[in-house]
């Protein structure tokens, strides 16, 4: 399944989000190059036929296909070649969080893996952090150094209830005393975004249940 990767242009430092395209294998299954989150993208300064292609293995049938190597054009004019993981590399690759945008990107990528392809910035602004929305979902990402409070959890739950949607909370600093118990009572999944790896980690039972549905 195609993956998404947060990308910083080395020329202008602009934050971008790249999603690898999906190509149909001969068996009909969609395939895409596995992106390497540990390596940095490189500007394309010259073209070589051999470097334009990458081998991608179809998981359902095992065929090995040659697809165009993933590239991303930055608005500044730089063309970036995206790193591709070596065959057999694991899907979980560390991404160190440096900015609030990195935390939002990590949460967005996680929600994308959960199947929410129509993710966008929510119209309503939460008391703290950034709100994301998709069809039937409201998510809050709090990249601050303050643990999320009971009120934060309740406000998110009320917003979701008013929109007949599910909700998810992502916090970088964890949760204050009582916030986790309140989230359990309301059925709100809570995640802590690891600042060293960028990986959201479930911290209550509703989050564990949601995590088990990863696609």
N, C-alpha and C. Protein backbone atom coordinates (compact mmCIF):
# COMPACT_ATOMS: atom_id res chain seq x y z
N UNK A 1 0.85 -1.19 0.00
CA UNK A 1 0.00 0.00 0.00
C UNK A 1 0.89 1.24 0.00
N UNK A 2 0.56 2.25 -0.83
CA UNK A 2 1.38 3.45 -0.90
C UNK A 2 1.47 4.13 0.46
N UNK A 3 2.63 4.71 0.75
CA UNK A 3 2.86 5.37 2.03
C UNK A 3 3.01 6.86 1.83
N UNK A 4 2.88 7.60 2.91
CA UNK A 4 3.10 9.04 2.89
C UNK A 4 4.31 9.36 3.74
N UNK A 5 4.99 10.46 3.39
CA UNK A 5 6.24 10.81 4.06
C UNK A 5 6.35 12.32 4.17
N UNK A 6 6.57 12.86 5.39
CA UNK A 6 6.83 14.29 5.52
C UNK A 6 8.22 14.60 4.97
N UNK A 7 8.31 15.64 4.16
CA UNK A 7 9.55 15.98 3.47
C UNK A 7 9.89 17.44 3.71
N UNK A 8 11.15 17.72 4.03
CA UNK A 8 11.61 19.10 4.13
C UNK A 8 12.57 19.37 2.98
N UNK A 9 12.25 20.36 2.16
CA UNK A 9 13.12 20.69 1.02
C UNK A 9 14.45 21.23 1.54
N UNK A 10 15.58 20.65 1.15
CA UNK A 10 16.88 21.12 1.64
C UNK A 10 17.26 22.49 1.09
N UNK A 11 16.60 22.91 0.02
CA UNK A 11 16.94 24.20 -0.59
C UNK A 11 16.24 25.37 0.10
N UNK A 12 14.92 25.24 0.32
CA UNK A 12 14.15 26.35 0.88
C UNK A 12 13.60 26.06 2.27
N UNK A 13 13.77 24.81 2.77
CA UNK A 13 13.32 24.37 4.09
C UNK A 13 11.81 24.31 4.21
N UNK A 14 11.09 24.32 3.08
CA UNK A 14 9.64 24.24 3.10
C UNK A 14 9.20 22.83 3.50
N UNK A 15 8.14 22.72 4.33
CA UNK A 15 7.60 21.43 4.73
C UNK A 15 6.61 20.94 3.68
N UNK A 16 6.80 19.72 3.20
CA UNK A 16 5.93 19.13 2.19
C UNK A 16 5.48 17.76 2.67
N UNK A 17 4.41 17.24 2.06
CA UNK A 17 3.95 15.88 2.35
C UNK A 17 3.85 15.12 1.04
N UNK A 18 4.60 14.04 0.94
CA UNK A 18 4.62 13.24 -0.28
C UNK A 18 3.88 11.93 -0.06
N UNK A 19 3.01 11.59 -0.99
CA UNK A 19 2.32 10.29 -0.99
C UNK A 19 2.73 9.54 -2.24
N UNK A 20 3.31 8.38 -2.06
CA UNK A 20 3.77 7.59 -3.20
C UNK A 20 2.58 7.14 -4.03
N UNK A 21 2.67 7.21 -5.36
CA UNK A 21 1.57 6.76 -6.21
C UNK A 21 1.41 5.25 -6.16
N UNK A 22 0.22 4.80 -6.51
CA UNK A 22 -0.06 3.37 -6.55
C UNK A 22 -0.13 2.91 -8.00
N UNK A 23 0.57 1.81 -8.29
CA UNK A 23 0.58 1.25 -9.64
C UNK A 23 -0.06 -0.14 -9.61
N UNK A 24 -0.80 -0.50 -10.67
CA UNK A 24 -1.42 -1.84 -10.68
C UNK A 24 -0.43 -2.92 -11.11
N UNK A 25 -0.32 -3.96 -10.29
CA UNK A 25 0.48 -5.12 -10.66
C UNK A 25 -0.29 -5.92 -11.71
N UNK A 26 0.39 -6.86 -12.36
CA UNK A 26 -0.26 -7.71 -13.35
C UNK A 26 -1.39 -8.53 -12.73
N UNK A 27 -1.29 -8.79 -11.41
CA UNK A 27 -2.33 -9.56 -10.73
C UNK A 27 -3.53 -8.68 -10.36
N UNK A 28 -3.41 -7.36 -10.56
CA UNK A 28 -4.49 -6.44 -10.25
C UNK A 28 -4.35 -5.71 -8.94
N UNK A 29 -3.43 -6.15 -8.09
CA UNK A 29 -3.26 -5.52 -6.78
C UNK A 29 -2.49 -4.20 -6.91
N UNK A 30 -2.88 -3.16 -6.15
CA UNK A 30 -2.12 -1.91 -6.18
C UNK A 30 -0.79 -2.06 -5.46
N UNK A 31 0.27 -1.53 -6.04
CA UNK A 31 1.60 -1.59 -5.42
C UNK A 31 2.23 -0.20 -5.44
N UNK A 32 3.20 -0.01 -4.58
CA UNK A 32 3.90 1.26 -4.53
C UNK A 32 5.24 1.09 -3.86
N UNK A 33 6.19 1.98 -4.12
CA UNK A 33 7.52 1.86 -3.52
C UNK A 33 7.49 2.11 -2.02
N UNK A 34 8.16 1.26 -1.21
CA UNK A 34 8.24 1.49 0.24
C UNK A 34 9.22 2.62 0.53
N UNK A 35 8.75 3.67 1.18
CA UNK A 35 9.58 4.85 1.43
C UNK A 35 10.44 4.66 2.67
N UNK A 36 11.66 5.15 2.62
CA UNK A 36 12.61 5.06 3.73
C UNK A 36 12.54 6.35 4.53
N UNK A 37 11.99 6.27 5.76
CA UNK A 37 11.83 7.46 6.59
C UNK A 37 13.11 7.89 7.29
N UNK A 38 14.12 7.03 7.26
CA UNK A 38 15.37 7.36 7.95
C UNK A 38 16.32 8.17 7.07
N UNK A 39 16.20 8.05 5.75
CA UNK A 39 17.10 8.73 4.83
C UNK A 39 16.48 10.04 4.36
N UNK A 40 17.33 10.99 4.02
CA UNK A 40 16.87 12.31 3.58
C UNK A 40 16.70 12.33 2.06
N UNK A 41 15.70 13.08 1.56
CA UNK A 41 15.55 13.21 0.10
C UNK A 41 16.72 13.98 -0.49
N UNK A 42 17.05 13.68 -1.73
CA UNK A 42 18.18 14.31 -2.38
C UNK A 42 17.72 15.09 -3.62
N UNK A 43 18.24 16.31 -3.83
CA UNK A 43 17.89 17.06 -5.04
C UNK A 43 18.39 16.33 -6.28
N UNK A 44 17.60 16.35 -7.33
CA UNK A 44 17.98 15.73 -8.60
C UNK A 44 18.80 16.74 -9.38
N UNK A 45 20.07 16.43 -9.58
CA UNK A 45 20.96 17.32 -10.31
C UNK A 45 21.30 16.79 -11.70
N UNK A 46 21.12 15.49 -11.90
CA UNK A 46 21.36 14.89 -13.21
C UNK A 46 20.43 13.71 -13.38
N UNK A 47 20.23 13.30 -14.63
CA UNK A 47 19.33 12.21 -14.94
C UNK A 47 20.10 11.03 -15.50
N UNK A 48 19.75 9.84 -15.02
CA UNK A 48 20.34 8.60 -15.51
C UNK A 48 19.22 7.57 -15.63
N UNK A 49 19.16 6.87 -16.75
CA UNK A 49 18.08 5.90 -16.99
C UNK A 49 18.00 4.86 -15.87
N UNK A 50 19.15 4.36 -15.43
CA UNK A 50 19.16 3.32 -14.40
C UNK A 50 18.64 3.83 -13.07
N UNK A 51 18.81 5.13 -12.79
CA UNK A 51 18.38 5.69 -11.52
C UNK A 51 16.91 6.12 -11.52
N UNK A 52 16.27 6.05 -12.68
CA UNK A 52 14.88 6.48 -12.79
C UNK A 52 13.89 5.41 -12.35
N UNK A 53 14.38 4.17 -12.12
CA UNK A 53 13.48 3.07 -11.83
C UNK A 53 13.85 2.39 -10.52
N UNK A 54 12.83 1.79 -9.88
CA UNK A 54 13.05 1.08 -8.64
C UNK A 54 12.22 -0.21 -8.67
N UNK A 55 12.77 -1.26 -8.08
CA UNK A 55 12.06 -2.55 -8.06
C UNK A 55 11.10 -2.59 -6.87
N UNK A 56 9.86 -2.95 -7.15
CA UNK A 56 8.82 -3.03 -6.12
C UNK A 56 8.21 -4.42 -6.16
N UNK A 57 8.18 -5.07 -5.01
CA UNK A 57 7.60 -6.41 -4.91
C UNK A 57 6.13 -6.32 -4.54
N UNK A 58 5.29 -7.01 -5.30
CA UNK A 58 3.87 -7.08 -5.00
C UNK A 58 3.66 -8.08 -3.87
N UNK A 59 3.08 -7.64 -2.78
CA UNK A 59 2.90 -8.52 -1.62
C UNK A 59 1.95 -9.68 -1.91
N UNK A 60 0.78 -9.44 -2.54
CA UNK A 60 -0.15 -10.56 -2.75
C UNK A 60 0.40 -11.68 -3.64
N UNK A 61 1.09 -11.33 -4.75
CA UNK A 61 1.51 -12.37 -5.69
C UNK A 61 3.01 -12.60 -5.75
N UNK A 62 3.81 -11.69 -5.17
CA UNK A 62 5.26 -11.88 -5.14
C UNK A 62 6.00 -11.38 -6.36
N UNK A 63 5.28 -10.88 -7.38
CA UNK A 63 5.96 -10.38 -8.58
C UNK A 63 6.83 -9.18 -8.22
N UNK A 64 7.91 -9.03 -8.97
CA UNK A 64 8.79 -7.87 -8.81
C UNK A 64 8.66 -7.01 -10.05
N UNK A 65 8.15 -5.79 -9.86
CA UNK A 65 7.90 -4.88 -10.97
C UNK A 65 8.85 -3.70 -10.91
N UNK A 66 9.10 -3.09 -12.05
CA UNK A 66 9.91 -1.89 -12.14
C UNK A 66 8.99 -0.69 -12.28
N UNK A 67 9.03 0.21 -11.29
CA UNK A 67 8.21 1.42 -11.32
C UNK A 67 9.10 2.65 -11.26
N UNK A 68 8.59 3.81 -11.72
CA UNK A 68 9.39 5.04 -11.63
C UNK A 68 9.80 5.34 -10.20
N UNK A 69 11.04 5.76 -10.02
CA UNK A 69 11.51 6.12 -8.68
C UNK A 69 10.75 7.36 -8.21
N UNK A 70 10.29 7.38 -6.95
CA UNK A 70 9.47 8.50 -6.48
C UNK A 70 10.24 9.82 -6.42
N UNK A 71 9.59 10.87 -6.93
CA UNK A 71 10.16 12.21 -6.91
C UNK A 71 9.07 13.20 -6.49
N UNK A 72 9.52 14.35 -5.99
CA UNK A 72 8.60 15.39 -5.54
C UNK A 72 9.15 16.74 -5.95
N UNK A 73 8.31 17.52 -6.60
CA UNK A 73 8.71 18.87 -7.00
C UNK A 73 8.31 19.89 -5.95
N UNK A 74 9.26 20.66 -5.47
CA UNK A 74 8.99 21.71 -4.49
C UNK A 74 8.59 23.00 -5.23
N UNK A 75 7.71 23.82 -4.65
CA UNK A 75 7.36 25.10 -5.29
C UNK A 75 8.55 26.01 -5.56
N UNK A 76 9.66 25.79 -4.84
CA UNK A 76 10.84 26.63 -5.08
C UNK A 76 11.57 26.24 -6.36
N UNK A 77 11.16 25.14 -6.98
CA UNK A 77 11.79 24.70 -8.21
C UNK A 77 12.70 23.49 -8.07
N UNK A 78 13.01 23.10 -6.84
CA UNK A 78 13.87 21.94 -6.60
C UNK A 78 13.09 20.64 -6.79
N UNK A 79 13.68 19.68 -7.50
CA UNK A 79 13.09 18.36 -7.65
C UNK A 79 13.81 17.42 -6.70
N UNK A 80 13.05 16.76 -5.84
CA UNK A 80 13.62 15.88 -4.83
C UNK A 80 13.38 14.42 -5.18
N UNK A 81 14.42 13.61 -5.02
CA UNK A 81 14.29 12.16 -5.20
C UNK A 81 14.08 11.54 -3.82
N UNK A 82 12.96 10.84 -3.64
CA UNK A 82 12.60 10.28 -2.35
C UNK A 82 13.34 8.97 -2.11
N UNK A 83 13.87 8.76 -0.90
CA UNK A 83 14.57 7.51 -0.59
C UNK A 83 13.61 6.34 -0.52
N UNK A 84 14.04 5.20 -1.05
CA UNK A 84 13.23 3.99 -1.05
C UNK A 84 13.88 2.98 -0.12
N UNK A 85 13.07 2.33 0.70
CA UNK A 85 13.58 1.36 1.67
C UNK A 85 14.10 0.12 0.95
N UNK A 86 15.11 -0.47 1.54
CA UNK A 86 15.64 -1.72 1.00
C UNK A 86 14.63 -2.83 1.17
N UNK A 87 14.64 -3.84 0.30
CA UNK A 87 13.70 -4.94 0.42
C UNK A 87 13.76 -5.57 1.80
N UNK A 88 12.57 -5.78 2.37
CA UNK A 88 12.49 -6.43 3.68
C UNK A 88 12.58 -5.46 4.84
N UNK A 89 12.75 -4.16 4.55
CA UNK A 89 12.83 -3.19 5.65
C UNK A 89 11.49 -3.07 6.34
N UNK A 90 11.51 -2.80 7.64
CA UNK A 90 10.27 -2.70 8.41
C UNK A 90 9.50 -1.45 8.05
N UNK A 91 8.19 -1.47 8.36
CA UNK A 91 7.33 -0.34 8.04
C UNK A 91 7.50 0.80 9.05
N UNK A 92 7.91 0.49 10.27
CA UNK A 92 8.01 1.55 11.27
C UNK A 92 9.42 2.13 11.23
N UNK A 93 9.55 3.42 10.82
CA UNK A 93 10.84 4.09 10.72
C UNK A 93 10.82 5.36 11.55
N UNK A 94 11.88 5.63 12.37
CA UNK A 94 11.83 6.76 13.28
C UNK A 94 11.87 8.11 12.58
N UNK A 95 11.08 9.08 13.08
CA UNK A 95 11.06 10.45 12.58
C UNK A 95 11.12 11.38 13.79
N UNK A 96 12.26 12.01 14.03
CA UNK A 96 12.41 12.89 15.18
C UNK A 96 11.55 14.14 15.01
N UNK A 97 10.78 14.49 16.06
CA UNK A 97 9.92 15.66 16.01
C UNK A 97 10.72 16.89 16.42
N UNK A 98 10.73 17.88 15.55
CA UNK A 98 11.48 19.12 15.84
C UNK A 98 10.55 20.33 15.99
N UNK A 99 9.39 20.29 15.34
CA UNK A 99 8.46 21.41 15.38
C UNK A 99 7.05 20.91 15.66
N UNK A 100 6.15 21.87 15.95
CA UNK A 100 4.75 21.51 16.14
C UNK A 100 4.17 20.90 14.87
N UNK A 101 4.62 21.40 13.72
CA UNK A 101 4.15 20.85 12.45
C UNK A 101 4.54 19.38 12.30
N UNK A 102 5.72 19.02 12.82
CA UNK A 102 6.15 17.62 12.76
C UNK A 102 5.18 16.73 13.54
N UNK A 103 4.71 17.21 14.70
CA UNK A 103 3.77 16.43 15.51
C UNK A 103 2.43 16.27 14.78
N UNK A 104 1.97 17.35 14.15
CA UNK A 104 0.72 17.29 13.39
C UNK A 104 0.87 16.33 12.21
N UNK A 105 2.02 16.40 11.55
CA UNK A 105 2.27 15.51 10.41
C UNK A 105 2.29 14.06 10.84
N UNK A 106 2.92 13.78 11.99
CA UNK A 106 2.98 12.40 12.49
C UNK A 106 1.58 11.87 12.77
N UNK A 107 0.73 12.71 13.38
CA UNK A 107 -0.64 12.29 13.66
C UNK A 107 -1.42 12.10 12.37
N UNK A 108 -1.21 12.99 11.39
CA UNK A 108 -1.92 12.89 10.12
C UNK A 108 -1.53 11.61 9.38
N UNK A 109 -0.25 11.28 9.41
CA UNK A 109 0.20 10.06 8.76
C UNK A 109 -0.40 8.82 9.42
N UNK A 110 -0.51 8.87 10.74
CA UNK A 110 -1.09 7.74 11.46
C UNK A 110 -2.57 7.58 11.09
N UNK A 111 -3.30 8.69 11.05
CA UNK A 111 -4.71 8.64 10.68
C UNK A 111 -4.88 8.19 9.23
N UNK A 112 -3.93 8.56 8.39
CA UNK A 112 -3.96 8.11 7.00
C UNK A 112 -3.83 6.60 6.94
N UNK A 113 -2.96 6.04 7.78
CA UNK A 113 -2.81 4.59 7.84
C UNK A 113 -4.06 3.91 8.38
N UNK A 114 -4.84 4.63 9.16
CA UNK A 114 -6.10 4.09 9.67
C UNK A 114 -7.20 4.10 8.62
N UNK A 115 -6.89 4.70 7.46
CA UNK A 115 -7.85 4.70 6.36
C UNK A 115 -8.52 6.02 6.09
N UNK A 116 -8.16 7.08 6.82
CA UNK A 116 -8.77 8.40 6.61
C UNK A 116 -7.99 9.18 5.55
N UNK A 117 -8.37 8.98 4.29
CA UNK A 117 -7.65 9.58 3.16
C UNK A 117 -8.05 11.03 2.90
N UNK A 118 -9.21 11.46 3.45
CA UNK A 118 -9.72 12.80 3.18
C UNK A 118 -9.41 13.77 4.31
N UNK A 119 -8.31 13.55 5.00
CA UNK A 119 -7.96 14.35 6.17
C UNK A 119 -7.71 15.81 5.79
N UNK A 120 -8.16 16.72 6.64
CA UNK A 120 -7.99 18.15 6.39
C UNK A 120 -7.93 18.90 7.72
N UNK A 121 -7.58 20.16 7.66
CA UNK A 121 -7.61 21.01 8.86
C UNK A 121 -9.07 21.30 9.21
N UNK A 122 -9.45 21.10 10.45
CA UNK A 122 -10.84 21.30 10.85
C UNK A 122 -11.18 22.79 10.86
N UNK A 123 -12.47 23.09 10.63
CA UNK A 123 -12.92 24.48 10.63
C UNK A 123 -12.89 25.08 12.04
N UNK A 124 -13.28 24.28 13.04
CA UNK A 124 -13.31 24.77 14.41
C UNK A 124 -11.93 24.67 15.04
N UNK A 125 -11.56 25.71 15.79
CA UNK A 125 -10.26 25.72 16.46
C UNK A 125 -10.43 25.23 17.89
N UNK A 126 -9.65 24.22 18.31
CA UNK A 126 -9.78 23.70 19.68
C UNK A 126 -9.14 24.65 20.69
N UNK A 127 -9.42 24.44 22.00
CA UNK A 127 -8.82 25.30 23.03
C UNK A 127 -7.29 25.29 22.98
N UNK A 128 -6.70 24.16 22.56
CA UNK A 128 -5.25 24.08 22.43
C UNK A 128 -4.91 23.13 21.29
N UNK A 129 -3.78 23.36 20.65
CA UNK A 129 -3.34 22.47 19.59
C UNK A 129 -4.02 22.72 18.26
N UNK A 130 -4.03 21.69 17.45
CA UNK A 130 -4.56 21.76 16.08
C UNK A 130 -5.62 20.69 15.92
N UNK A 131 -6.72 21.04 15.26
CA UNK A 131 -7.80 20.09 15.01
C UNK A 131 -7.74 19.61 13.56
N UNK A 132 -7.86 18.31 13.37
CA UNK A 132 -7.93 17.69 12.05
C UNK A 132 -9.30 17.03 11.91
N UNK A 133 -9.76 16.93 10.68
CA UNK A 133 -11.07 16.32 10.46
C UNK A 133 -11.05 15.47 9.19
N UNK A 134 -11.86 14.45 9.20
CA UNK A 134 -12.10 13.61 8.04
C UNK A 134 -13.56 13.17 8.13
N UNK A 135 -14.03 12.43 7.15
CA UNK A 135 -15.41 11.99 7.19
C UNK A 135 -15.65 11.10 8.41
N UNK A 136 -16.51 11.56 9.30
CA UNK A 136 -16.84 10.79 10.50
C UNK A 136 -15.78 10.82 11.57
N UNK A 137 -14.83 11.77 11.50
CA UNK A 137 -13.74 11.80 12.48
C UNK A 137 -13.34 13.22 12.80
N UNK A 138 -13.06 13.46 14.09
CA UNK A 138 -12.45 14.71 14.55
C UNK A 138 -11.25 14.32 15.39
N UNK A 139 -10.10 14.90 15.12
CA UNK A 139 -8.87 14.59 15.86
C UNK A 139 -8.24 15.88 16.36
N UNK A 140 -7.65 15.81 17.54
CA UNK A 140 -6.94 16.95 18.10
C UNK A 140 -5.49 16.57 18.33
N UNK A 141 -4.58 17.43 17.90
CA UNK A 141 -3.15 17.22 18.07
C UNK A 141 -2.62 18.35 18.94
N UNK A 142 -2.09 18.00 20.12
CA UNK A 142 -1.57 19.00 21.07
C UNK A 142 -0.06 18.84 21.16
N UNK A 143 0.70 19.72 20.46
CA UNK A 143 2.16 19.60 20.46
C UNK A 143 2.84 20.39 21.58
N UNK A 144 2.05 20.94 22.51
CA UNK A 144 2.63 21.76 23.57
C UNK A 144 3.32 20.90 24.62
N UNK A 145 4.03 21.57 25.55
CA UNK A 145 4.71 20.87 26.63
C UNK A 145 3.80 20.64 27.82
N UNK A 146 2.53 21.05 27.70
CA UNK A 146 1.57 20.90 28.80
C UNK A 146 0.74 19.63 28.60
N UNK A 147 0.68 18.76 29.59
CA UNK A 147 -0.18 17.56 29.45
C UNK A 147 -1.63 17.95 29.21
N UNK A 148 -2.31 17.19 28.37
CA UNK A 148 -3.71 17.47 28.07
C UNK A 148 -4.56 17.28 29.33
N UNK A 149 -5.53 18.16 29.52
CA UNK A 149 -6.35 18.15 30.74
C UNK A 149 -7.68 17.43 30.51
N UNK A 150 -8.42 17.26 31.60
CA UNK A 150 -9.76 16.68 31.51
C UNK A 150 -10.63 17.54 30.60
N UNK A 151 -10.53 18.85 30.76
CA UNK A 151 -11.32 19.77 29.94
C UNK A 151 -11.00 19.60 28.46
N UNK A 152 -9.71 19.43 28.12
CA UNK A 152 -9.32 19.23 26.71
C UNK A 152 -10.01 18.01 26.12
N UNK A 153 -10.01 16.92 26.89
CA UNK A 153 -10.63 15.68 26.42
C UNK A 153 -12.13 15.86 26.26
N UNK A 154 -12.77 16.53 27.24
CA UNK A 154 -14.21 16.73 27.18
C UNK A 154 -14.62 17.64 26.03
N UNK A 155 -13.83 18.67 25.77
CA UNK A 155 -14.14 19.58 24.66
C UNK A 155 -14.08 18.85 23.32
N UNK A 156 -13.07 18.00 23.15
CA UNK A 156 -12.96 17.22 21.92
C UNK A 156 -14.16 16.29 21.78
N UNK A 157 -14.53 15.63 22.88
CA UNK A 157 -15.66 14.69 22.84
C UNK A 157 -16.96 15.41 22.49
N UNK A 158 -17.17 16.60 23.07
CA UNK A 158 -18.38 17.37 22.79
C UNK A 158 -18.42 17.81 21.33
N UNK A 159 -17.28 18.22 20.80
CA UNK A 159 -17.21 18.61 19.38
C UNK A 159 -17.57 17.44 18.49
N UNK A 160 -17.02 16.28 18.80
CA UNK A 160 -17.31 15.09 18.01
C UNK A 160 -18.79 14.71 18.10
N UNK A 161 -19.36 14.80 19.32
CA UNK A 161 -20.77 14.47 19.50
C UNK A 161 -21.66 15.41 18.68
N UNK A 162 -21.31 16.69 18.62
CA UNK A 162 -22.12 17.66 17.88
C UNK A 162 -22.08 17.40 16.38
N UNK A 163 -21.02 16.71 15.92
CA UNK A 163 -20.88 16.41 14.50
C UNK A 163 -21.15 14.94 14.19
N UNK A 164 -21.64 14.20 15.19
CA UNK A 164 -21.92 12.77 15.02
C UNK A 164 -20.70 12.04 14.46
N UNK A 165 -19.55 12.33 15.05
CA UNK A 165 -18.29 11.76 14.56
C UNK A 165 -17.53 11.09 15.71
N UNK A 166 -16.56 10.26 15.34
CA UNK A 166 -15.64 9.71 16.31
C UNK A 166 -14.55 10.74 16.59
N UNK A 167 -13.80 10.54 17.67
CA UNK A 167 -12.72 11.48 17.98
C UNK A 167 -11.48 10.74 18.45
N UNK A 168 -10.34 11.38 18.25
CA UNK A 168 -9.04 10.85 18.65
C UNK A 168 -8.20 12.01 19.17
N UNK A 169 -7.46 11.77 20.26
CA UNK A 169 -6.61 12.81 20.83
C UNK A 169 -5.15 12.37 20.75
N UNK A 170 -4.29 13.26 20.21
CA UNK A 170 -2.85 13.03 20.15
C UNK A 170 -2.16 14.11 20.99
N UNK A 171 -1.33 13.69 21.93
CA UNK A 171 -0.62 14.64 22.79
C UNK A 171 0.87 14.32 22.78
N UNK A 172 1.66 15.37 22.77
CA UNK A 172 3.11 15.19 22.82
C UNK A 172 3.61 15.06 24.25
N UNK A 173 2.90 15.69 25.19
CA UNK A 173 3.35 15.72 26.59
C UNK A 173 2.57 14.77 27.49
N UNK A 174 1.67 14.00 26.94
CA UNK A 174 0.90 13.07 27.75
C UNK A 174 -0.37 13.69 28.28
N UNK A 175 -0.89 13.14 29.39
CA UNK A 175 -2.20 13.54 29.91
C UNK A 175 -2.14 13.78 31.42
N UNK A 176 -2.85 14.81 31.85
CA UNK A 176 -2.87 15.16 33.28
C UNK A 176 -3.69 14.12 34.06
N UNK A 177 -3.52 14.17 35.38
CA UNK A 177 -4.25 13.24 36.24
C UNK A 177 -5.75 13.41 36.02
N UNK A 178 -6.42 12.30 35.82
CA UNK A 178 -7.87 12.33 35.61
C UNK A 178 -8.28 12.37 34.16
N UNK A 179 -7.40 12.87 33.27
CA UNK A 179 -7.77 12.98 31.85
C UNK A 179 -7.93 11.60 31.22
N UNK A 180 -7.05 10.67 31.59
CA UNK A 180 -7.14 9.33 31.00
C UNK A 180 -8.40 8.61 31.48
N UNK A 181 -8.73 8.74 32.77
CA UNK A 181 -9.93 8.10 33.30
C UNK A 181 -11.18 8.67 32.63
N UNK A 182 -11.20 9.99 32.44
CA UNK A 182 -12.35 10.62 31.78
C UNK A 182 -12.46 10.15 30.33
N UNK A 183 -11.32 10.02 29.65
CA UNK A 183 -11.33 9.55 28.27
C UNK A 183 -11.84 8.11 28.19
N UNK A 184 -11.45 7.29 29.16
CA UNK A 184 -11.95 5.90 29.19
C UNK A 184 -13.47 5.88 29.34
N UNK A 185 -13.99 6.75 30.21
CA UNK A 185 -15.44 6.80 30.44
C UNK A 185 -16.20 7.27 29.20
N UNK A 186 -15.58 8.18 28.45
CA UNK A 186 -16.23 8.73 27.25
C UNK A 186 -15.90 7.93 25.99
N UNK A 187 -14.95 7.00 26.09
CA UNK A 187 -14.56 6.21 24.92
C UNK A 187 -13.70 6.97 23.94
N UNK A 188 -12.89 7.91 24.45
CA UNK A 188 -12.01 8.71 23.59
C UNK A 188 -10.63 8.05 23.50
N UNK A 189 -10.17 7.67 22.32
CA UNK A 189 -8.83 7.10 22.18
C UNK A 189 -7.76 8.16 22.44
N UNK A 190 -6.80 7.82 23.28
CA UNK A 190 -5.69 8.73 23.61
C UNK A 190 -4.38 8.16 23.09
N UNK A 191 -3.60 9.02 22.43
CA UNK A 191 -2.29 8.63 21.93
C UNK A 191 -1.25 9.64 22.41
N UNK A 192 -0.06 9.13 22.70
CA UNK A 192 1.09 10.00 22.97
C UNK A 192 2.04 9.88 21.78
N UNK A 193 2.40 11.02 21.19
CA UNK A 193 3.32 11.03 20.06
C UNK A 193 4.74 11.07 20.60
N UNK A 194 5.50 10.03 20.35
CA UNK A 194 6.88 9.93 20.82
C UNK A 194 7.74 10.99 20.12
N UNK A 195 8.35 11.87 20.92
CA UNK A 195 9.15 12.94 20.34
C UNK A 195 10.41 12.46 19.67
N UNK A 196 10.88 11.27 20.02
CA UNK A 196 12.12 10.76 19.42
C UNK A 196 11.90 9.99 18.14
N UNK A 197 10.73 9.37 18.00
CA UNK A 197 10.47 8.55 16.82
C UNK A 197 9.34 9.07 15.95
N UNK A 198 8.49 9.95 16.50
CA UNK A 198 7.35 10.43 15.75
C UNK A 198 6.24 9.40 15.63
N UNK A 199 6.28 8.35 16.44
CA UNK A 199 5.29 7.28 16.36
C UNK A 199 4.21 7.48 17.44
N UNK A 200 2.94 7.62 17.06
CA UNK A 200 1.86 7.71 18.05
C UNK A 200 1.70 6.37 18.78
N UNK A 201 1.63 6.44 20.12
CA UNK A 201 1.52 5.23 20.94
C UNK A 201 0.21 5.26 21.72
N UNK A 202 -0.63 4.23 21.59
CA UNK A 202 -1.89 4.20 22.33
C UNK A 202 -1.64 4.08 23.83
N UNK A 203 -2.43 4.84 24.63
CA UNK A 203 -2.22 4.82 26.08
C UNK A 203 -3.50 4.47 26.84
N UNK A 204 -4.59 4.15 26.15
CA UNK A 204 -5.78 3.65 26.84
C UNK A 204 -6.47 2.60 25.96
N UNK A 205 -7.50 1.96 26.52
CA UNK A 205 -8.12 0.84 25.82
C UNK A 205 -8.79 1.25 24.50
N UNK A 206 -9.53 2.38 24.44
CA UNK A 206 -10.08 2.78 23.15
C UNK A 206 -9.01 2.99 22.08
N UNK A 207 -7.84 3.49 22.49
CA UNK A 207 -6.75 3.68 21.53
C UNK A 207 -6.17 2.35 21.09
N UNK A 208 -6.06 1.40 22.02
CA UNK A 208 -5.58 0.05 21.67
C UNK A 208 -6.50 -0.58 20.64
N UNK A 209 -7.80 -0.43 20.84
CA UNK A 209 -8.77 -1.00 19.90
C UNK A 209 -8.64 -0.36 18.53
N UNK A 210 -8.46 0.97 18.51
CA UNK A 210 -8.30 1.66 17.23
C UNK A 210 -7.01 1.27 16.55
N UNK A 211 -5.95 1.13 17.34
CA UNK A 211 -4.63 0.77 16.79
C UNK A 211 -4.67 -0.60 16.13
N UNK A 212 -5.51 -1.48 16.63
CA UNK A 212 -5.59 -2.83 16.06
C UNK A 212 -6.21 -2.87 14.69
N UNK A 213 -6.80 -1.74 14.24
CA UNK A 213 -7.43 -1.68 12.92
C UNK A 213 -6.53 -1.10 11.86
N UNK A 214 -5.26 -0.86 12.18
CA UNK A 214 -4.33 -0.27 11.21
C UNK A 214 -4.36 -1.05 9.92
N UNK A 215 -4.39 -0.31 8.77
CA UNK A 215 -4.40 -0.95 7.45
C UNK A 215 -3.02 -0.84 6.84
